[in-house]
N, C-alpha and C. Protein backbone atom coordinates (compact mmCIF):
# COMPACT_ATOMS: atom_id res chain seq x y z
N MET A 1 0.86 -1.37 0.22
CA MET A 1 -0.06 0.02 -0.04
C MET A 1 0.78 1.05 0.02
N ALA A 2 0.37 2.20 -0.78
CA ALA A 2 1.39 3.46 -0.92
C ALA A 2 1.31 4.29 0.13
N ASP A 3 2.39 5.35 0.56
CA ASP A 3 1.97 5.45 1.69
C ASP A 3 1.44 7.09 1.44
N TYR A 4 0.26 7.69 1.41
CA TYR A 4 -0.29 8.67 1.34
C TYR A 4 -0.10 9.55 2.32
N ASN A 5 0.40 11.02 1.71
CA ASN A 5 0.28 12.35 2.44
C ASN A 5 -0.36 13.16 2.30
N ARG A 6 -1.40 13.01 1.41
CA ARG A 6 -2.19 13.65 0.68
C ARG A 6 -3.68 13.52 0.99
N PRO A 7 -4.63 14.18 1.14
CA PRO A 7 -6.32 13.81 1.66
C PRO A 7 -6.63 12.88 0.48
N LEU A 8 -7.35 12.02 0.67
CA LEU A 8 -7.86 11.44 -0.26
C LEU A 8 -9.69 11.52 -0.13
N PRO A 9 -10.48 10.85 -1.33
CA PRO A 9 -11.46 11.08 -1.58
C PRO A 9 -12.26 10.62 -0.54
N LEU A 10 -13.44 11.14 -0.23
CA LEU A 10 -14.33 10.70 0.96
C LEU A 10 -15.38 10.33 0.38
N PRO A 11 -15.95 8.91 -0.05
CA PRO A 11 -17.12 8.32 -0.52
C PRO A 11 -18.45 8.70 0.01
N THR A 12 -19.64 9.11 -0.97
CA THR A 12 -20.50 9.44 -0.60
C THR A 12 -21.46 8.49 -0.76
N PRO A 13 -22.92 8.36 -0.62
CA PRO A 13 -23.94 7.67 -1.16
C PRO A 13 -23.75 7.73 -2.64
N GLU A 14 -23.69 8.72 -3.34
CA GLU A 14 -23.87 8.88 -5.16
C GLU A 14 -22.49 7.91 -5.45
N THR A 15 -21.14 8.41 -4.83
CA THR A 15 -19.89 7.57 -5.31
C THR A 15 -19.29 6.10 -4.66
N GLN A 16 -19.91 5.71 -3.73
CA GLN A 16 -19.62 4.56 -3.41
C GLN A 16 -19.51 3.51 -3.89
N HIS A 17 -20.52 3.42 -4.95
CA HIS A 17 -20.22 2.14 -6.07
C HIS A 17 -18.95 2.50 -6.88
N PHE A 18 -18.62 3.51 -7.08
CA PHE A 18 -17.19 3.72 -8.00
C PHE A 18 -16.14 3.09 -6.87
N TRP A 19 -16.00 3.52 -6.16
CA TRP A 19 -15.01 3.59 -5.06
C TRP A 19 -14.95 1.89 -4.65
N ASP A 20 -16.28 1.04 -4.15
CA ASP A 20 -16.48 0.16 -4.19
C ASP A 20 -15.52 -0.69 -5.14
N GLY A 21 -15.75 -0.22 -6.32
CA GLY A 21 -15.39 -0.70 -7.71
C GLY A 21 -13.83 -0.64 -7.75
N THR A 22 -13.21 0.46 -7.65
CA THR A 22 -11.48 0.56 -7.55
C THR A 22 -10.78 0.15 -6.61
N ARG A 23 -11.72 -0.43 -5.31
CA ARG A 23 -10.95 -1.12 -4.52
C ARG A 23 -10.99 -2.72 -4.65
N ASN A 24 -11.81 -3.14 -5.93
CA ASN A 24 -11.66 -4.57 -6.25
C ASN A 24 -11.49 -4.80 -7.76
N GLY A 25 -10.37 -3.57 -8.34
CA GLY A 25 -10.08 -3.74 -9.26
C GLY A 25 -10.96 -3.46 -10.71
N GLU A 26 -11.89 -2.92 -10.50
CA GLU A 26 -12.74 -2.65 -11.43
C GLU A 26 -12.95 -1.07 -11.52
N LEU A 27 -13.13 -0.25 -12.92
CA LEU A 27 -13.54 0.92 -13.00
C LEU A 27 -15.29 0.81 -13.59
N ARG A 28 -15.99 1.66 -12.58
CA ARG A 28 -17.22 1.44 -12.82
C ARG A 28 -17.83 2.98 -13.15
N LEU A 29 -18.78 2.72 -14.07
CA LEU A 29 -19.44 3.97 -14.92
C LEU A 29 -20.74 3.91 -14.68
N GLN A 30 -21.34 5.20 -14.66
CA GLN A 30 -22.95 4.72 -14.67
C GLN A 30 -23.67 4.92 -16.36
N ARG A 31 -24.45 4.85 -16.53
CA ARG A 31 -25.14 5.00 -17.76
C ARG A 31 -26.66 5.31 -17.77
N CYS A 32 -27.31 6.01 -18.40
CA CYS A 32 -28.73 6.17 -18.60
C CYS A 32 -29.28 5.17 -19.29
N THR A 33 -30.58 4.36 -18.58
CA THR A 33 -31.30 3.44 -19.53
C THR A 33 -32.25 4.28 -20.49
N ALA A 34 -32.47 5.61 -20.03
CA ALA A 34 -33.53 6.13 -21.13
C ALA A 34 -32.56 6.28 -22.44
N CYS A 35 -31.41 7.09 -22.26
CA CYS A 35 -31.04 7.75 -23.37
C CYS A 35 -29.90 6.79 -23.58
N ARG A 36 -29.28 5.92 -22.80
CA ARG A 36 -28.24 5.05 -23.30
C ARG A 36 -26.61 5.81 -23.15
N GLU A 37 -26.99 7.03 -22.72
CA GLU A 37 -25.42 7.97 -22.39
C GLU A 37 -24.58 7.46 -21.50
N SER A 38 -23.28 7.46 -21.70
CA SER A 38 -22.40 6.82 -20.25
C SER A 38 -21.99 8.10 -19.77
N TYR A 39 -21.54 7.95 -18.43
CA TYR A 39 -20.97 9.49 -17.94
C TYR A 39 -20.30 9.24 -16.64
N PHE A 40 -19.31 10.32 -16.24
CA PHE A 40 -18.76 10.36 -15.20
C PHE A 40 -18.48 11.82 -14.81
N PRO A 41 -17.89 12.34 -13.88
CA PRO A 41 -18.33 11.42 -12.56
C PRO A 41 -19.52 10.78 -12.07
N PRO A 42 -19.65 10.02 -11.11
CA PRO A 42 -20.96 9.47 -10.77
C PRO A 42 -21.55 10.83 -10.03
N ARG A 43 -23.31 10.22 -10.58
CA ARG A 43 -24.46 10.99 -10.20
C ARG A 43 -25.64 10.51 -10.05
N PRO A 44 -26.48 11.12 -9.56
CA PRO A 44 -28.04 10.24 -9.23
C PRO A 44 -28.90 10.20 -10.84
N PHE A 45 -28.58 11.21 -11.62
CA PHE A 45 -29.01 11.61 -12.81
C PHE A 45 -28.49 11.58 -13.96
N CYS A 46 -29.09 11.32 -15.32
CA CYS A 46 -28.26 11.61 -16.51
C CYS A 46 -28.02 13.03 -16.51
N PRO A 47 -26.32 13.22 -17.01
CA PRO A 47 -26.57 14.85 -16.97
C PRO A 47 -26.55 14.94 -18.84
N ALA A 48 -27.42 14.17 -19.36
CA ALA A 48 -27.79 14.48 -20.90
C ALA A 48 -29.14 14.92 -21.19
N CYS A 49 -30.04 13.59 -20.12
CA CYS A 49 -31.64 13.89 -20.36
C CYS A 49 -32.13 14.63 -19.13
N GLY A 50 -31.49 14.19 -18.05
CA GLY A 50 -31.92 14.27 -16.54
C GLY A 50 -32.57 13.13 -16.11
N SER A 51 -32.72 12.35 -16.67
CA SER A 51 -33.57 11.06 -16.25
C SER A 51 -32.76 10.29 -15.12
N ARG A 52 -33.74 9.66 -14.17
CA ARG A 52 -32.95 9.48 -12.92
C ARG A 52 -33.13 8.05 -13.29
N ALA A 53 -33.17 7.07 -14.23
CA ALA A 53 -32.98 5.84 -14.32
C ALA A 53 -31.58 5.38 -15.34
N VAL A 54 -30.82 5.38 -14.14
CA VAL A 54 -29.39 4.98 -14.43
C VAL A 54 -28.77 3.42 -13.91
N GLU A 55 -28.13 3.00 -14.44
CA GLU A 55 -27.34 2.07 -13.98
C GLU A 55 -26.03 2.04 -13.70
N THR A 56 -25.11 1.23 -13.05
CA THR A 56 -23.85 0.96 -12.79
C THR A 56 -23.16 -0.02 -13.56
N TYR A 57 -22.21 -0.16 -14.28
CA TYR A 57 -21.83 -0.91 -14.97
C TYR A 57 -19.99 -0.95 -14.84
N LYS A 58 -19.64 -2.08 -15.17
CA LYS A 58 -17.81 -2.19 -15.57
C LYS A 58 -17.54 -1.95 -16.65
N ALA A 59 -16.53 -0.68 -16.51
CA ALA A 59 -16.16 -0.16 -18.07
C ALA A 59 -15.09 -1.48 -18.34
N SER A 60 -14.85 -0.77 -19.46
CA SER A 60 -13.44 -1.55 -20.39
C SER A 60 -12.04 -1.16 -19.58
N GLY A 61 -12.02 -0.13 -19.26
CA GLY A 61 -10.65 0.26 -18.70
C GLY A 61 -9.66 0.49 -19.54
N LYS A 62 -10.30 0.64 -20.70
CA LYS A 62 -9.51 1.21 -21.74
C LYS A 62 -9.75 2.93 -22.16
N ALA A 63 -8.55 3.63 -22.52
CA ALA A 63 -8.69 5.19 -22.99
C ALA A 63 -7.53 5.69 -23.79
N THR A 64 -7.54 6.59 -24.14
CA THR A 64 -6.85 7.37 -24.46
C THR A 64 -6.37 8.57 -23.81
N LEU A 65 -5.21 9.02 -24.60
CA LEU A 65 -4.90 10.32 -23.71
C LEU A 65 -5.39 11.48 -24.55
N TYR A 66 -6.03 12.36 -23.61
CA TYR A 66 -6.72 13.44 -24.53
C TYR A 66 -6.40 14.95 -24.28
N SER A 67 -5.23 14.85 -23.12
CA SER A 67 -4.38 16.19 -22.74
C SER A 67 -4.21 16.24 -21.31
N TYR A 68 -2.78 16.62 -21.26
CA TYR A 68 -2.12 16.69 -20.06
C TYR A 68 -1.50 17.66 -20.07
N ILE A 69 -0.64 17.77 -18.53
CA ILE A 69 0.47 18.74 -18.18
C ILE A 69 1.51 18.12 -17.54
N VAL A 70 2.95 18.46 -17.57
CA VAL A 70 3.55 17.56 -16.50
C VAL A 70 3.72 18.77 -15.49
N ASN A 71 3.73 18.14 -14.31
CA ASN A 71 3.91 19.49 -12.79
C ASN A 71 5.35 18.98 -12.48
N HIS A 72 5.96 20.24 -12.64
CA HIS A 72 7.42 20.10 -12.48
C HIS A 72 7.80 20.58 -11.01
N ARG A 73 6.77 21.34 -10.44
CA ARG A 73 6.90 22.15 -8.96
C ARG A 73 6.68 20.92 -8.06
N PRO A 74 7.90 20.77 -7.38
CA PRO A 74 8.17 19.72 -6.08
C PRO A 74 7.11 20.03 -4.86
N ARG A 75 6.23 19.11 -4.62
CA ARG A 75 5.13 19.23 -3.28
C ARG A 75 5.66 18.08 -2.20
N PRO A 76 5.20 18.53 -1.44
CA PRO A 76 5.50 17.85 -0.12
C PRO A 76 4.57 16.31 -0.16
N ASP A 77 3.23 16.72 -0.46
CA ASP A 77 2.74 15.34 -0.49
C ASP A 77 2.26 14.69 -1.85
N PHE A 78 3.12 15.47 -3.11
CA PHE A 78 3.39 14.73 -4.23
C PHE A 78 4.97 14.07 -4.53
N GLY A 79 5.61 14.54 -3.84
CA GLY A 79 7.12 14.11 -3.98
C GLY A 79 7.98 15.43 -4.54
N THR A 80 9.09 14.95 -5.20
CA THR A 80 9.88 16.02 -6.02
C THR A 80 9.93 15.47 -7.44
N GLU A 81 9.64 14.13 -8.10
CA GLU A 81 9.61 13.96 -9.20
C GLU A 81 8.41 14.42 -10.12
N PRO A 82 8.75 15.17 -11.24
CA PRO A 82 7.99 15.63 -12.29
C PRO A 82 6.45 14.21 -12.39
N HIS A 83 5.27 14.95 -12.27
CA HIS A 83 4.19 13.89 -12.49
C HIS A 83 3.20 14.52 -13.30
N SER A 84 2.44 13.58 -14.14
CA SER A 84 1.32 14.04 -15.27
C SER A 84 0.36 14.54 -14.43
N ILE A 85 -0.64 15.35 -14.97
CA ILE A 85 -2.09 15.70 -14.41
C ILE A 85 -2.80 15.77 -15.87
N ALA A 86 -3.52 14.46 -16.03
CA ALA A 86 -4.13 14.19 -17.60
C ALA A 86 -5.85 14.03 -17.23
N VAL A 87 -6.28 14.37 -18.64
CA VAL A 87 -7.52 13.78 -18.90
C VAL A 87 -7.62 12.89 -19.96
N VAL A 88 -8.18 11.82 -19.67
CA VAL A 88 -8.15 10.56 -21.08
C VAL A 88 -9.56 10.52 -21.20
N ALA A 89 -9.68 9.64 -22.18
CA ALA A 89 -11.16 9.85 -22.74
C ALA A 89 -11.49 8.40 -22.98
N LEU A 90 -12.20 8.02 -21.89
CA LEU A 90 -12.45 6.56 -21.80
C LEU A 90 -13.20 6.24 -23.21
N ALA A 91 -13.04 4.80 -23.11
CA ALA A 91 -13.40 3.64 -24.32
C ALA A 91 -15.09 4.00 -24.44
N GLU A 92 -15.66 4.06 -23.53
CA GLU A 92 -17.35 4.54 -23.09
C GLU A 92 -17.53 5.88 -23.74
N GLY A 93 -16.80 6.50 -23.66
CA GLY A 93 -17.28 8.21 -23.90
C GLY A 93 -16.73 9.08 -22.68
N PRO A 94 -17.03 8.82 -21.60
CA PRO A 94 -16.80 10.05 -20.85
C PRO A 94 -15.02 10.03 -20.72
N ARG A 95 -14.70 11.66 -20.12
CA ARG A 95 -13.59 11.82 -19.60
C ARG A 95 -13.21 11.65 -18.41
N MET A 96 -12.11 11.49 -18.03
CA MET A 96 -11.66 11.25 -16.32
C MET A 96 -10.50 12.07 -16.41
N MET A 97 -10.46 12.95 -15.23
CA MET A 97 -8.92 13.50 -15.00
C MET A 97 -8.36 12.23 -13.74
N THR A 98 -6.95 12.20 -14.36
CA THR A 98 -5.90 11.08 -13.34
C THR A 98 -4.50 11.60 -13.40
N ASN A 99 -3.67 10.66 -13.73
CA ASN A 99 -2.55 10.34 -13.91
C ASN A 99 -1.93 9.71 -14.51
N ILE A 100 -0.88 9.88 -15.05
CA ILE A 100 -0.41 8.70 -16.44
C ILE A 100 0.94 8.37 -15.57
N VAL A 101 0.78 6.89 -15.68
CA VAL A 101 1.77 6.05 -14.68
C VAL A 101 2.91 5.15 -15.72
N ASP A 102 4.11 4.54 -15.20
CA ASP A 102 4.70 3.69 -15.71
C ASP A 102 5.06 4.09 -17.18
N CYS A 103 5.35 5.18 -17.14
CA CYS A 103 5.83 5.93 -18.35
C CYS A 103 6.54 7.12 -18.20
N PRO A 104 7.84 7.21 -18.72
CA PRO A 104 8.46 8.75 -18.62
C PRO A 104 7.65 9.72 -18.52
N GLN A 105 7.71 10.84 -17.45
CA GLN A 105 6.70 11.97 -17.49
C GLN A 105 7.37 12.96 -18.48
N THR A 106 7.17 13.07 -19.79
CA THR A 106 8.23 13.74 -20.84
C THR A 106 7.20 13.90 -21.83
N PRO A 107 6.85 15.05 -22.87
CA PRO A 107 6.30 15.15 -24.09
C PRO A 107 6.61 14.14 -25.07
N GLU A 108 7.84 13.62 -24.97
CA GLU A 108 8.21 12.75 -26.33
C GLU A 108 7.49 11.43 -25.76
N ALA A 109 7.45 11.10 -24.48
CA ALA A 109 6.38 9.82 -24.08
C ALA A 109 5.17 9.70 -23.99
N LEU A 110 4.74 10.74 -23.44
CA LEU A 110 3.02 11.24 -23.13
C LEU A 110 2.40 11.86 -24.87
N ILE A 111 2.30 11.02 -25.12
CA ILE A 111 1.57 11.49 -26.63
C ILE A 111 0.33 11.56 -26.92
N LEU A 112 -0.69 12.38 -27.41
CA LEU A 112 -1.97 12.51 -27.22
C LEU A 112 -2.31 11.45 -28.20
N ASP A 113 -3.48 11.19 -27.73
CA ASP A 113 -4.49 10.17 -28.11
C ASP A 113 -3.80 8.43 -28.12
N MET A 114 -2.79 8.38 -27.41
CA MET A 114 -1.97 7.33 -26.91
C MET A 114 -2.86 6.45 -26.48
N PRO A 115 -3.06 5.07 -26.61
CA PRO A 115 -3.84 4.08 -25.98
C PRO A 115 -3.34 3.76 -24.64
N LEU A 116 -4.14 3.74 -23.63
CA LEU A 116 -3.92 3.62 -22.20
C LEU A 116 -5.11 2.78 -21.87
N GLU A 117 -4.53 1.98 -20.51
CA GLU A 117 -5.83 1.13 -19.77
C GLU A 117 -5.44 1.64 -18.24
N VAL A 118 -6.43 1.00 -17.78
CA VAL A 118 -6.45 1.75 -15.91
C VAL A 118 -5.64 0.66 -15.34
N THR A 119 -5.25 1.25 -14.37
CA THR A 119 -4.41 0.23 -13.18
C THR A 119 -4.96 0.73 -11.92
N PHE A 120 -4.81 0.28 -10.78
CA PHE A 120 -5.44 0.87 -9.41
C PHE A 120 -4.44 0.90 -8.36
N GLU A 121 -3.81 2.21 -7.75
CA GLU A 121 -3.05 2.32 -7.04
C GLU A 121 -3.94 2.48 -5.25
N LYS A 122 -3.57 1.34 -4.50
CA LYS A 122 -4.37 1.29 -3.37
C LYS A 122 -3.41 2.41 -2.59
N ALA A 123 -4.44 3.42 -1.93
CA ALA A 123 -4.24 4.35 -0.96
C ALA A 123 -4.42 4.04 0.36
N SER A 124 -5.29 3.46 0.70
CA SER A 124 -5.48 2.95 1.65
C SER A 124 -6.48 1.60 1.74
N GLU A 125 -7.14 1.23 2.88
CA GLU A 125 -7.90 -0.03 3.03
C GLU A 125 -9.01 0.16 2.11
N ASP A 126 -9.63 1.20 1.94
CA ASP A 126 -10.89 1.55 1.55
C ASP A 126 -10.79 2.64 0.09
N ILE A 127 -9.49 3.11 -0.36
CA ILE A 127 -9.77 3.69 -1.33
C ILE A 127 -8.43 3.50 -2.43
N SER A 128 -8.84 2.80 -3.26
CA SER A 128 -7.65 2.45 -4.64
C SER A 128 -8.00 3.45 -5.75
N LEU A 129 -6.95 4.40 -6.11
CA LEU A 129 -7.08 5.56 -6.81
C LEU A 129 -7.27 5.05 -8.68
N PRO A 130 -8.04 5.41 -9.63
CA PRO A 130 -7.43 4.98 -10.91
C PRO A 130 -6.42 5.73 -11.24
N LYS A 131 -5.45 5.10 -12.14
CA LYS A 131 -4.41 5.85 -12.83
C LYS A 131 -4.52 5.16 -14.27
N PHE A 132 -4.02 5.75 -14.83
CA PHE A 132 -3.94 4.70 -16.52
C PHE A 132 -2.59 4.95 -16.98
N ARG A 133 -1.81 3.88 -17.58
CA ARG A 133 -0.67 3.59 -18.16
C ARG A 133 -0.82 3.24 -19.51
N PRO A 134 0.55 3.21 -20.21
CA PRO A 134 0.45 2.84 -21.95
C PRO A 134 -0.30 1.71 -21.74
N ALA A 135 -1.05 1.28 -22.77
CA ALA A 135 -1.65 -0.29 -23.15
C ALA A 135 -0.34 -0.78 -23.63
N LYS A 136 -0.67 -2.50 -22.87
CA LYS A 136 0.16 -3.31 -23.59
C LYS A 136 -0.23 -3.77 -25.04
N GLY A 137 0.80 -4.16 -25.51
CA GLY A 137 0.33 -4.68 -27.09
C GLY A 137 -0.49 -4.19 -27.90
């Protein structure tokens, strides 16, 4: 388990299913059963049509790199090494803010539209953080 010195998310009734999934190694999204739109972050209604008829499902974990910055400023809670702050486009449609790991944190390595896959970093007994790495194969 990682030694985290920074604040961790606090699950709410609306997000508990998401954090239960990450703890079990699953990326869970929600989908509207009325208009079939998938969305993130979790909420009790569809942001596209407003319907409350929503379901939770296991996402593929596949994504592409949509945008990023590399933070070079040292911070006590993140360490002194540069790290990416990224937005990925999930295969199911929504975008998610995350970090890219298992990859040099340089513009030469972080190529827009590169295929990614989810990985989970255990931060506490209850919270595993979804991060993304370059897809294998």
